[in-house]
Amino acid sequence: GQSGNRPFGFWQAAAFQWVNPKAWIMAVGVVATYTPREGFFVNLMLSALVLGLVNYPSISVWTLFGSTVGRALRTPQALRMFNGVMAGLLLLSLVPIFAEHV
């Protein structure tokens, strides 16, 4: 088989986080917003711990959802319907933003 088509292994995925822009934005955002200057190192470690405690279950649920949905979307029709529902929900999520400005 072609090695380029294999999913990331654990260590590859962990190494990928060093170039993952979403991970960097989240980390920089947490440090800039929630980590005070006094006792910076201790607060930084506490922030990292909280991020790990929050992200691990979140990522686990996201992964479980993705693998379950992936098994259910075997046909082009099912995939098209799923994409339509997701697009509709995305548009629906914008309603409060637009309602605020009307």
PDB file of N, CA and C in Angstrom:
ATOM      1  N   GLY A   1       0.827  -1.195   0.000  1.00  0.00           N
ATOM      2  CA  GLY A   1       0.000   0.000   0.000  1.00  0.00           C
ATOM      3  C   GLY A   1       0.860   1.242   0.000  1.00  0.00           C
ATOM      4  N   GLN A   2       0.244   2.347  -0.235  1.00  0.00           N
ATOM      5  CA  GLN A   2       0.954   3.620  -0.233  1.00  0.00           C
ATOM      6  C   GLN A   2       1.028   4.149   1.188  1.00  0.00           C
ATOM      7  N   SER A   3       2.219   4.496   1.628  1.00  0.00           N
ATOM      8  CA  SER A   3       2.377   4.975   3.003  1.00  0.00           C
ATOM      9  C   SER A   3       1.782   6.368   3.181  1.00  0.00           C
ATOM     10  N   GLY A   4       1.578   7.136   2.118  1.00  0.00           N
ATOM     11  CA  GLY A   4       1.022   8.480   2.219  1.00  0.00           C
ATOM     12  C   GLY A   4      -0.448   8.505   2.581  1.00  0.00           C
ATOM     13  N   ASN A   5      -1.139   7.388   2.490  1.00  0.00           N
ATOM     14  CA  ASN A   5      -2.567   7.350   2.771  1.00  0.00           C
ATOM     15  C   ASN A   5      -2.898   6.890   4.187  1.00  0.00           C
ATOM     16  N   ARG A   6      -1.897   6.590   4.983  1.00  0.00           N
ATOM     17  CA  ARG A   6      -2.138   6.137   6.348  1.00  0.00           C
ATOM     18  C   ARG A   6      -2.435   7.322   7.251  1.00  0.00           C
ATOM     19  N   PRO A   7      -3.326   7.134   8.248  1.00  0.00           N
ATOM     20  CA  PRO A   7      -3.554   8.216   9.218  1.00  0.00           C
ATOM     21  C   PRO A   7      -2.341   8.390  10.120  1.00  0.00           C
ATOM     22  N   PHE A   8      -2.265   9.533  10.769  1.00  0.00           N
ATOM     23  CA  PHE A   8      -1.185   9.802  11.715  1.00  0.00           C
ATOM     24  C   PHE A   8      -1.207   8.778  12.837  1.00  0.00           C
ATOM     25  N   GLY A   9      -0.029   8.412  13.291  1.00  0.00           N
ATOM     26  CA  GLY A   9       0.097   7.637  14.521  1.00  0.00           C
ATOM     27  C   GLY A   9       0.067   8.597  15.702  1.00  0.00           C
ATOM     28  N   PHE A  10       0.106   8.053  16.909  1.00  0.00           N
ATOM     29  CA  PHE A  10       0.039   8.879  18.113  1.00  0.00           C
ATOM     30  C   PHE A  10       1.157   9.920  18.141  1.00  0.00           C
ATOM     31  N   TRP A  11       2.400   9.491  17.943  1.00  0.00           N
ATOM     32  CA  TRP A  11       3.531  10.414  18.048  1.00  0.00           C
ATOM     33  C   TRP A  11       3.548  11.416  16.902  1.00  0.00           C
ATOM     34  N   GLN A  12       3.101  11.004  15.731  1.00  0.00           N
ATOM     35  CA  GLN A  12       3.007  11.939  14.603  1.00  0.00           C
ATOM     36  C   GLN A  12       1.963  13.020  14.906  1.00  0.00           C
ATOM     37  N   ALA A  13       0.833  12.605  15.452  1.00  0.00           N
ATOM     38  CA  ALA A  13      -0.218  13.571  15.798  1.00  0.00           C
ATOM     39  C   ALA A  13       0.253  14.516  16.898  1.00  0.00           C
ATOM     40  N   ALA A  14       0.981  13.981  17.878  1.00  0.00           N
ATOM     41  CA  ALA A  14       1.507  14.832  18.949  1.00  0.00           C
ATOM     42  C   ALA A  14       2.515  15.837  18.381  1.00  0.00           C
ATOM     43  N   ALA A  15       3.387  15.385  17.487  1.00  0.00           N
ATOM     44  CA  ALA A  15       4.368  16.292  16.879  1.00  0.00           C
ATOM     45  C   ALA A  15       3.689  17.329  15.996  1.00  0.00           C
ATOM     46  N   PHE A  16       2.590  16.959  15.361  1.00  0.00           N
ATOM     47  CA  PHE A  16       1.867  17.893  14.488  1.00  0.00           C
ATOM     48  C   PHE A  16       1.355  19.106  15.263  1.00  0.00           C
ATOM     49  N   GLN A  17       1.103  18.955  16.550  1.00  0.00           N
ATOM     50  CA  GLN A  17       0.571  20.076  17.332  1.00  0.00           C
ATOM     51  C   GLN A  17       1.533  21.257  17.367  1.00  0.00           C
ATOM     52  N   TRP A  18       2.819  21.015  17.125  1.00  0.00           N
ATOM     53  CA  TRP A  18       3.788  22.115  17.116  1.00  0.00           C
ATOM     54  C   TRP A  18       3.611  23.021  15.901  1.00  0.00           C
ATOM     55  N   VAL A  19       2.940  22.542  14.857  1.00  0.00           N
ATOM     56  CA  VAL A  19       2.681  23.378  13.677  1.00  0.00           C
ATOM     57  C   VAL A  19       1.186  23.589  13.458  1.00  0.00           C
ATOM     58  N   ASN A  20       0.366  23.198  14.424  1.00  0.00           N
ATOM     59  CA  ASN A  20      -1.080  23.338  14.321  1.00  0.00           C
ATOM     60  C   ASN A  20      -1.471  24.761  14.721  1.00  0.00           C
ATOM     61  N   PRO A  21      -1.970  25.571  13.781  1.00  0.00           N
ATOM     62  CA  PRO A  21      -2.279  26.970  14.118  1.00  0.00           C
ATOM     63  C   PRO A  21      -3.374  27.105  15.174  1.00  0.00           C
ATOM     64  N   LYS A  22      -4.351  26.207  15.188  1.00  0.00           N
ATOM     65  CA  LYS A  22      -5.404  26.299  16.205  1.00  0.00           C
ATOM     66  C   LYS A  22      -4.836  26.065  17.598  1.00  0.00           C
ATOM     67  N   ALA A  23      -3.913  25.139  17.733  1.00  0.00           N
ATOM     68  CA  ALA A  23      -3.297  24.872  19.036  1.00  0.00           C
ATOM     69  C   ALA A  23      -2.502  26.091  19.498  1.00  0.00           C
ATOM     70  N   TRP A  24      -1.767  26.720  18.596  1.00  0.00           N
ATOM     71  CA  TRP A  24      -0.987  27.908  18.951  1.00  0.00           C
ATOM     72  C   TRP A  24      -1.891  29.065  19.366  1.00  0.00           C
ATOM     73  N   ILE A  25      -2.960  29.282  18.622  1.00  0.00           N
ATOM     74  CA  ILE A  25      -3.879  30.385  18.953  1.00  0.00           C
ATOM     75  C   ILE A  25      -4.511  30.143  20.321  1.00  0.00           C
ATOM     76  N   MET A  26      -4.912  28.892  20.587  1.00  0.00           N
ATOM     77  CA  MET A  26      -5.506  28.582  21.880  1.00  0.00           C
ATOM     78  C   MET A  26      -4.487  28.790  23.003  1.00  0.00           C
ATOM     79  N   ALA A  27      -3.274  28.301  22.817  1.00  0.00           N
ATOM     80  CA  ALA A  27      -2.253  28.424  23.861  1.00  0.00           C
ATOM     81  C   ALA A  27      -1.885  29.881  24.114  1.00  0.00           C
ATOM     82  N   VAL A  28      -1.645  30.633  23.060  1.00  0.00           N
ATOM     83  CA  VAL A  28      -1.290  32.046  23.219  1.00  0.00           C
ATOM     84  C   VAL A  28      -2.454  32.823  23.826  1.00  0.00           C
ATOM     85  N   GLY A  29      -3.668  32.501  23.397  1.00  0.00           N
ATOM     86  CA  GLY A  29      -4.850  33.170  23.949  1.00  0.00           C
ATOM     87  C   GLY A  29      -5.018  32.925  25.438  1.00  0.00           C
ATOM     88  N   VAL A  30      -4.808  31.701  25.873  1.00  0.00           N
ATOM     89  CA  VAL A  30      -4.923  31.380  27.296  1.00  0.00           C
ATOM     90  C   VAL A  30      -3.848  32.099  28.096  1.00  0.00           C
ATOM     91  N   VAL A  31      -2.619  32.083  27.599  1.00  0.00           N
ATOM     92  CA  VAL A  31      -1.531  32.746  28.323  1.00  0.00           C
ATOM     93  C   VAL A  31      -1.780  34.251  28.385  1.00  0.00           C
ATOM     94  N   ALA A  32      -2.156  34.857  27.272  1.00  0.00           N
ATOM     95  CA  ALA A  32      -2.347  36.310  27.234  1.00  0.00           C
ATOM     96  C   ALA A  32      -3.559  36.761  28.039  1.00  0.00           C
ATOM     97  N   THR A  33      -4.595  35.940  28.072  1.00  0.00           N
ATOM     98  CA  THR A  33      -5.843  36.359  28.702  1.00  0.00           C
ATOM     99  C   THR A  33      -5.956  35.954  30.163  1.00  0.00           C
ATOM    100  N   TYR A  34      -5.521  34.755  30.507  1.00  0.00           N
ATOM    101  CA  TYR A  34      -5.817  34.210  31.826  1.00  0.00           C
ATOM    102  C   TYR A  34      -4.612  33.960  32.713  1.00  0.00           C
ATOM    103  N   THR A  35      -3.408  34.226  32.262  1.00  0.00           N
ATOM    104  CA  THR A  35      -2.226  33.928  33.070  1.00  0.00           C
ATOM    105  C   THR A  35      -1.620  35.231  33.596  1.00  0.00           C
ATOM    106  N   PRO A  36      -1.794  35.495  34.906  1.00  0.00           N
ATOM    107  CA  PRO A  36      -1.263  36.751  35.459  1.00  0.00           C
ATOM    108  C   PRO A  36       0.263  36.740  35.541  1.00  0.00           C
ATOM    109  N   ARG A  37       0.842  37.949  35.615  1.00  0.00           N
ATOM    110  CA  ARG A  37       2.299  38.083  35.674  1.00  0.00           C
ATOM    111  C   ARG A  37       2.872  37.608  37.007  1.00  0.00           C
ATOM    112  N   GLU A  38       2.134  37.850  38.081  1.00  0.00           N
ATOM    113  CA  GLU A  38       2.614  37.421  39.395  1.00  0.00           C
ATOM    114  C   GLU A  38       2.556  35.891  39.440  1.00  0.00           C
ATOM    115  N   GLY A  39       3.661  35.282  39.796  1.00  0.00           N
ATOM    116  CA  GLY A  39       3.720  33.827  39.843  1.00  0.00           C
ATOM    117  C   GLY A  39       3.478  33.221  38.476  1.00  0.00           C
ATOM    118  N   PHE A  40       4.085  33.804  37.447  1.00  0.00           N
ATOM    119  CA  PHE A  40       3.791  33.431  36.062  1.00  0.00           C
ATOM    120  C   PHE A  40       4.003  31.945  35.799  1.00  0.00           C
ATOM    121  N   PHE A  41       5.130  31.383  36.225  1.00  0.00           N
ATOM    122  CA  PHE A  41       5.428  29.986  35.920  1.00  0.00           C
ATOM    123  C   PHE A  41       4.395  29.047  36.540  1.00  0.00           C
ATOM    124  N   VAL A  42       4.056  29.290  37.811  1.00  0.00           N
ATOM    125  CA  VAL A  42       3.050  28.447  38.483  1.00  0.00           C
ATOM    126  C   VAL A  42       1.701  28.598  37.779  1.00  0.00           C
ATOM    127  N   ASN A  43       1.329  29.822  37.450  1.00  0.00           N
ATOM    128  CA  ASN A  43       0.061  30.047  36.758  1.00  0.00           C
ATOM    129  C   ASN A  43       0.069  29.448  35.355  1.00  0.00           C
ATOM    130  N   LEU A  44       1.226  29.480  34.697  1.00  0.00           N
ATOM    131  CA  LEU A  44       1.345  28.865  33.374  1.00  0.00           C
ATOM    132  C   LEU A  44       1.139  27.358  33.468  1.00  0.00           C
ATOM    133  N   MET A  45       1.731  26.733  34.477  1.00  0.00           N
ATOM    134  CA  MET A  45       1.557  25.290  34.667  1.00  0.00           C
ATOM    135  C   MET A  45       0.099  24.966  34.996  1.00  0.00           C
ATOM    136  N   LEU A  46      -0.536  25.804  35.803  1.00  0.00           N
ATOM    137  CA  LEU A  46      -1.951  25.616  36.135  1.00  0.00           C
ATOM    138  C   LEU A  46      -2.809  25.758  34.877  1.00  0.00           C
ATOM    139  N   SER A  47      -2.488  26.739  34.041  1.00  0.00           N
ATOM    140  CA  SER A  47      -3.217  26.917  32.780  1.00  0.00           C
ATOM    141  C   SER A  47      -3.056  25.707  31.873  1.00  0.00           C
ATOM    142  N   ALA A  48      -1.855  25.172  31.798  1.00  0.00           N
ATOM    143  CA  ALA A  48      -1.606  23.990  30.975  1.00  0.00           C
ATOM    144  C   ALA A  48      -2.389  22.795  31.506  1.00  0.00           C
ATOM    145  N   LEU A  49      -2.429  22.653  32.817  1.00  0.00           N
ATOM    146  CA  LEU A  49      -3.189  21.561  33.426  1.00  0.00           C
ATOM    147  C   LEU A  49      -4.680  21.698  33.115  1.00  0.00           C
ATOM    148  N   VAL A  50      -5.215  22.897  33.266  1.00  0.00           N
ATOM    149  CA  VAL A  50      -6.639  23.121  32.972  1.00  0.00           C
ATOM    150  C   VAL A  50      -6.921  22.850  31.495  1.00  0.00           C
ATOM    151  N   LEU A  51      -6.046  23.325  30.606  1.00  0.00           N
ATOM    152  CA  LEU A  51      -6.240  23.041  29.175  1.00  0.00           C
ATOM    153  C   LEU A  51      -6.265  21.542  28.908  1.00  0.00           C
ATOM    154  N   GLY A  52      -5.354  20.819  29.522  1.00  0.00           N
ATOM    155  CA  GLY A  52      -5.326  19.366  29.339  1.00  0.00           C
ATOM    156  C   GLY A  52      -6.579  18.703  29.871  1.00  0.00           C
ATOM    157  N   LEU A  53      -7.024  19.126  31.049  1.00  0.00           N
ATOM    158  CA  LEU A  53      -8.228  18.532  31.644  1.00  0.00           C
ATOM    159  C   LEU A  53      -9.477  18.833  30.831  1.00  0.00           C
ATOM    160  N   VAL A  54      -9.536  20.001  30.236  1.00  0.00           N
ATOM    161  CA  VAL A  54     -10.705  20.367  29.426  1.00  0.00           C
ATOM    162  C   VAL A  54     -10.606  19.766  28.026  1.00  0.00           C
ATOM    163  N   ASN A  55      -9.421  19.815  27.433  1.00  0.00           N
ATOM    164  CA  ASN A  55      -9.281  19.369  26.045  1.00  0.00           C
ATOM    165  C   ASN A  55      -9.371  17.866  25.866  1.00  0.00           C
ATOM    166  N   TYR A  56      -8.847  17.096  26.795  1.00  0.00           N
ATOM    167  CA  TYR A  56      -8.849  15.645  26.607  1.00  0.00           C
ATOM    168  C   TYR A  56     -10.261  15.091  26.455  1.00  0.00           C
ATOM    169  N   PRO A  57     -11.191  15.399  27.372  1.00  0.00           N
ATOM    170  CA  PRO A  57     -12.553  14.886  27.156  1.00  0.00           C
ATOM    171  C   PRO A  57     -13.211  15.485  25.913  1.00  0.00           C
ATOM    172  N   SER A  58     -12.937  16.746  25.629  1.00  0.00           N
ATOM    173  CA  SER A  58     -13.535  17.381  24.442  1.00  0.00           C
ATOM    174  C   SER A  58     -13.058  16.709  23.169  1.00  0.00           C
ATOM    175  N   ILE A  59     -11.771  16.471  23.075  1.00  0.00           N
ATOM    176  CA  ILE A  59     -11.209  15.828  21.888  1.00  0.00           C
ATOM    177  C   ILE A  59     -11.692  14.385  21.782  1.00  0.00           C
ATOM    178  N   SER A  60     -11.844  13.723  22.927  1.00  0.00           N
ATOM    179  CA  SER A  60     -12.339  12.350  22.920  1.00  0.00           C
ATOM    180  C   SER A  60     -13.764  12.278  22.375  1.00  0.00           C
ATOM    181  N   VAL A  61     -14.621  13.192  22.809  1.00  0.00           N
ATOM    182  CA  VAL A  61     -15.998  13.227  22.299  1.00  0.00           C
ATOM    183  C   VAL A  61     -15.990  13.550  20.806  1.00  0.00           C
ATOM    184  N   TRP A  62     -15.170  14.510  20.402  1.00  0.00           N
ATOM    185  CA  TRP A  62     -15.071  14.891  18.988  1.00  0.00           C
ATOM    186  C   TRP A  62     -14.611  13.703  18.136  1.00  0.00           C
ATOM    187  N   THR A  63     -13.631  12.962  18.625  1.00  0.00           N
ATOM    188  CA  THR A  63     -13.118  11.796  17.907  1.00  0.00           C
ATOM    189  C   THR A  63     -14.168  10.701  17.809  1.00  0.00           C
ATOM    190  N   LEU A  64     -14.858  10.436  18.906  1.00  0.00           N
ATOM    191  CA  LEU A  64     -15.926   9.427  18.903  1.00  0.00           C
ATOM    192  C   LEU A  64     -17.030   9.813  17.924  1.00  0.00           C
ATOM    193  N   PHE A  65     -17.426  11.086  17.957  1.00  0.00           N
ATOM    194  CA  PHE A  65     -18.446  11.575  17.027  1.00  0.00           C
ATOM    195  C   PHE A  65     -17.977  11.412  15.589  1.00  0.00           C
ATOM    196  N   GLY A  66     -16.744  11.785  15.314  1.00  0.00           N
ATOM    197  CA  GLY A  66     -16.211  11.696  13.951  1.00  0.00           C
ATOM    198  C   GLY A  66     -16.156  10.270  13.444  1.00  0.00           C
ATOM    199  N   SER A  67     -15.717   9.336  14.283  1.00  0.00           N
ATOM    200  CA  SER A  67     -15.648   7.944  13.830  1.00  0.00           C
ATOM    201  C   SER A  67     -17.034   7.349  13.651  1.00  0.00           C
ATOM    202  N   THR A  68     -17.986   7.729  14.502  1.00  0.00           N
ATOM    203  CA  THR A  68     -19.361   7.241  14.373  1.00  0.00           C
ATOM    204  C   THR A  68     -20.018   7.800  13.114  1.00  0.00           C
ATOM    205  N   VAL A  69     -19.864   9.091  12.901  1.00  0.00           N
ATOM    206  CA  VAL A  69     -20.445   9.723  11.714  1.00  0.00           C
ATOM    207  C   VAL A  69     -19.787   9.176  10.447  1.00  0.00           C
ATOM    208  N   GLY A  70     -18.484   8.957  10.499  1.00  0.00           N
ATOM    209  CA  GLY A  70     -17.772   8.415   9.343  1.00  0.00           C
ATOM    210  C   GLY A  70     -18.305   7.059   8.909  1.00  0.00           C
ATOM    211  N   ARG A  71     -18.658   6.227   9.882  1.00  0.00           N
ATOM    212  CA  ARG A  71     -19.231   4.919   9.546  1.00  0.00           C
ATOM    213  C   ARG A  71     -20.633   5.047   8.970  1.00  0.00           C
ATOM    214  N   ALA A  72     -21.371   6.061   9.422  1.00  0.00           N
ATOM    215  CA  ALA A  72     -22.750   6.243   8.964  1.00  0.00           C
ATOM    216  C   ALA A  72     -22.824   6.891   7.581  1.00  0.00           C
ATOM    217  N   LEU A  73     -21.778   7.588   7.171  1.00  0.00           N
ATOM    218  CA  LEU A  73     -21.814   8.344   5.911  1.00  0.00           C
ATOM    219  C   LEU A  73     -21.094   7.599   4.791  1.00  0.00           C
ATOM    220  N   ARG A  74     -21.534   6.424   4.514  1.00  0.00           N
ATOM    221  CA  ARG A  74     -20.899   5.602   3.486  1.00  0.00           C
ATOM    222  C   ARG A  74     -21.392   5.927   2.080  1.00  0.00           C
ATOM    223  N   THR A  75     -22.592   6.462   1.957  1.00  0.00           N
ATOM    224  CA  THR A  75     -23.142   6.733   0.624  1.00  0.00           C
ATOM    225  C   THR A  75     -23.060   8.219   0.319  1.00  0.00           C
ATOM    226  N   PRO A  76     -22.994   8.576  -0.959  1.00  0.00           N
ATOM    227  CA  PRO A  76     -22.972  10.003  -1.320  1.00  0.00           C
ATOM    228  C   PRO A  76     -24.227  10.742  -0.856  1.00  0.00           C
ATOM    229  N   GLN A  77     -25.368  10.067  -0.875  1.00  0.00           N
ATOM    230  CA  GLN A  77     -26.609  10.708  -0.431  1.00  0.00           C
ATOM    231  C   GLN A  77     -26.560  11.031   1.062  1.00  0.00           C
ATOM    232  N   ALA A  78     -26.068  10.089   1.865  1.00  0.00           N
ATOM    233  CA  ALA A  78     -25.967  10.321   3.308  1.00  0.00           C
ATOM    234  C   ALA A  78     -24.998  11.460   3.596  1.00  0.00           C
ATOM    235  N   LEU A  79     -23.883  11.499   2.888  1.00  0.00           N
ATOM    236  CA  LEU A  79     -22.903  12.565   3.075  1.00  0.00           C
ATOM    237  C   LEU A  79     -23.484  13.923   2.674  1.00  0.00           C
ATOM    238  N   ARG A  80     -24.221  13.947   1.558  1.00  0.00           N
ATOM    239  CA  ARG A  80     -24.847  15.188   1.103  1.00  0.00           C
ATOM    240  C   ARG A  80     -25.877  15.682   2.126  1.00  0.00           C
ATOM    241  N   MET A  81     -26.681  14.751   2.683  1.00  0.00           N
ATOM    242  CA  MET A  81     -27.682  15.140   3.671  1.00  0.00           C
ATOM    243  C   MET A  81     -27.004  15.662   4.942  1.00  0.00           C
ATOM    244  N   PHE A  82     -25.962  14.987   5.391  1.00  0.00           N
ATOM    245  CA  PHE A  82     -25.225  15.427   6.574  1.00  0.00           C
ATOM    246  C   PHE A  82     -24.641  16.821   6.352  1.00  0.00           C
ATOM    247  N   ASN A  83     -24.013  17.036   5.205  1.00  0.00           N
ATOM    248  CA  ASN A  83     -23.438  18.351   4.904  1.00  0.00           C
ATOM    249  C   ASN A  83     -24.518  19.426   4.860  1.00  0.00           C
ATOM    250  N   GLY A  84     -25.683  19.098   4.324  1.00  0.00           N
ATOM    251  CA  GLY A  84     -26.792  20.056   4.289  1.00  0.00           C
ATOM    252  C   GLY A  84     -27.271  20.419   5.684  1.00  0.00           C
ATOM    253  N   VAL A  85     -27.399  19.413   6.544  1.00  0.00           N
ATOM    254  CA  VAL A  85     -27.826  19.671   7.926  1.00  0.00           C
ATOM    255  C   VAL A  85     -26.787  20.515   8.652  1.00  0.00           C
ATOM    256  N   MET A  86     -25.507  20.182   8.474  1.00  0.00           N
ATOM    257  CA  MET A  86     -24.448  20.957   9.129  1.00  0.00           C
ATOM    258  C   MET A  86     -24.420  22.399   8.625  1.00  0.00           C
ATOM    259  N   ALA A  87     -24.614  22.585   7.318  1.00  0.00           N
ATOM    260  CA  ALA A  87     -24.658  23.944   6.759  1.00  0.00           C
ATOM    261  C   ALA A  87     -25.833  24.717   7.341  1.00  0.00           C
ATOM    262  N   GLY A  88     -26.978  24.051   7.460  1.00  0.00           N
ATOM    263  CA  GLY A  88     -28.153  24.706   8.048  1.00  0.00           C
ATOM    264  C   GLY A  88     -27.919  25.094   9.498  1.00  0.00           C
ATOM    265  N   LEU A  89     -27.295  24.211  10.265  1.00  0.00           N
ATOM    266  CA  LEU A  89     -26.997  24.529  11.657  1.00  0.00           C
ATOM    267  C   LEU A  89     -25.995  25.672  11.767  1.00  0.00           C
ATOM    268  N   LEU A  90     -25.022  25.706  10.859  1.00  0.00           N
ATOM    269  CA  LEU A  90     -24.062  26.804  10.853  1.00  0.00           C
ATOM    270  C   LEU A  90     -24.774  28.132  10.586  1.00  0.00           C
ATOM    271  N   LEU A  91     -25.649  28.142   9.607  1.00  0.00           N
ATOM    272  CA  LEU A  91     -26.419  29.363   9.323  1.00  0.00           C
ATOM    273  C   LEU A  91     -27.304  29.745  10.503  1.00  0.00           C
ATOM    274  N   LEU A  92     -27.912  28.754  11.126  1.00  0.00           N
ATOM    275  CA  LEU A  92     -28.762  29.006  12.283  1.00  0.00           C
ATOM    276  C   LEU A  92     -27.960  29.605  13.437  1.00  0.00           C
ATOM    277  N   SER A  93     -26.711  29.212  13.565  1.00  0.00           N
ATOM    278  CA  SER A  93     -25.878  29.750  14.639  1.00  0.00           C
ATOM    279  C   SER A  93     -25.568  31.232  14.435  1.00  0.00           C
ATOM    280  N   LEU A  94     -25.742  31.725  13.222  1.00  0.00           N
ATOM    281  CA  LEU A  94     -25.493  33.143  12.939  1.00  0.00           C
ATOM    282  C   LEU A  94     -26.690  34.031  13.267  1.00  0.00           C
ATOM    283  N   VAL A  95     -27.863  33.435  13.458  1.00  0.00           N
ATOM    284  CA  VAL A  95     -29.072  34.215  13.727  1.00  0.00           C
ATOM    285  C   VAL A  95     -28.903  35.140  14.928  1.00  0.00           C
ATOM    286  N   PRO A  96     -28.387  34.679  16.074  1.00  0.00           N
ATOM    287  CA  PRO A  96     -28.228  35.604  17.206  1.00  0.00           C
ATOM    288  C   PRO A  96     -27.309  36.788  16.893  1.00  0.00           C
ATOM    289  N   ILE A  97     -26.298  36.572  16.085  1.00  0.00           N
ATOM    290  CA  ILE A  97     -25.381  37.659  15.741  1.00  0.00           C
ATOM    291  C   ILE A  97     -26.109  38.707  14.908  1.00  0.00           C
ATOM    292  N   PHE A  98     -26.859  38.243  13.909  1.00  0.00           N
ATOM    293  CA  PHE A  98     -27.596  39.189  13.074  1.00  0.00           C
ATOM    294  C   PHE A  98     -28.738  39.833  13.832  1.00  0.00           C
ATOM    295  N   ALA A  99     -29.404  39.087  14.709  1.00  0.00           N
ATOM    296  CA  ALA A  99     -30.519  39.635  15.483  1.00  0.00           C
ATOM    297  C   ALA A  99     -30.038  40.735  16.414  1.00  0.00           C
ATOM    298  N   GLU A 100     -28.807  40.642  16.879  1.00  0.00           N
ATOM    299  CA  GLU A 100     -28.243  41.646  17.758  1.00  0.00           C
ATOM    300  C   GLU A 100     -28.042  42.982  17.049  1.00  0.00           C
ATOM    301  N   HIS A 101     -27.847  42.934  15.732  1.00  0.00           N
ATOM    302  CA  HIS A 101     -27.573  44.146  14.970  1.00  0.00           C
ATOM    303  C   HIS A 101     -28.779  44.697  14.230  1.00  0.00           C
ATOM    304  N   VAL A 102     -29.918  44.101  14.458  1.00  0.00           N
ATOM    305  CA  VAL A 102     -31.130  44.587  13.756  1.00  0.00           C
ATOM    306  C   VAL A 102     -31.942  45.451  14.663  1.00  0.00           C
TER     307      VAL A 102
END
